[in-house]
C-alpha cells in the first residue's frame, strides 16, 4: 500500500508485547516502511502528536469493561489529525459457530480471569493453539456498538469479511469533534 501513496507513511505501533512488536518491526523493515514502535499499555498511552489514521484493529474485544472500551475509542479519536481518520474493528466471533464452540465457562477460568467484573458479551475462549491458552474476548452487539461510538461522525460501517465489523470515522469541516 505504501508504494502507491503520494506522501511517505510512518507507521506508529503500540503494544504491550515486546515479542509482537519485534515481529512487527521485522515485517515493516522488510516492507521498507518507516516506523516507530512502543511498548505501552494502550489504555494509558498518550501520544505526543496526532495522526492521519488511527486504527484499532483486533484490540477492543480484548478490553474488559464497556467504559474502558468507550474511553479508548474516544481517546483514539482525539489522537487523529484535523482531517484524520479513525478505523476500528469489532470482532463478531459469537456469530460464528466454530468460535462459540470454544467458549469456556467462567467457572473454569484460571486465576487471572476470576476477578473480572463481567458484563453481557464477555467470554473466555479456548485459543486452541500449540499450547493450552485462554483469552478474554468481548462480543459487541449492534446496540452496544452504537453506544460505544456515540457522538463520533461515522463515515462508513461495513463488513468486509464474515468475522469483523468495520467502522470508519473522519474529522473535517463538517464533522463534530466531541472527543477533543
Foldseek 3Di string as FASTA:
>chain_A
DQVPDPDADEAEEEEQDPVVVVVVVVVCVVVVHHYDYDNDDLLPDDDPAAAQEAEAEPHLFQDPDLVSLLSSQLNNLVRHDQFHKYKYKFWQQVVDPVFVVFFDDLVPDPVVSVPGPDDPQWTWGFPPDPDTDIGIGGHQDPVSVCVSCPQFAWDDWADPDPTIIMTMGTHDDPTDNPRD
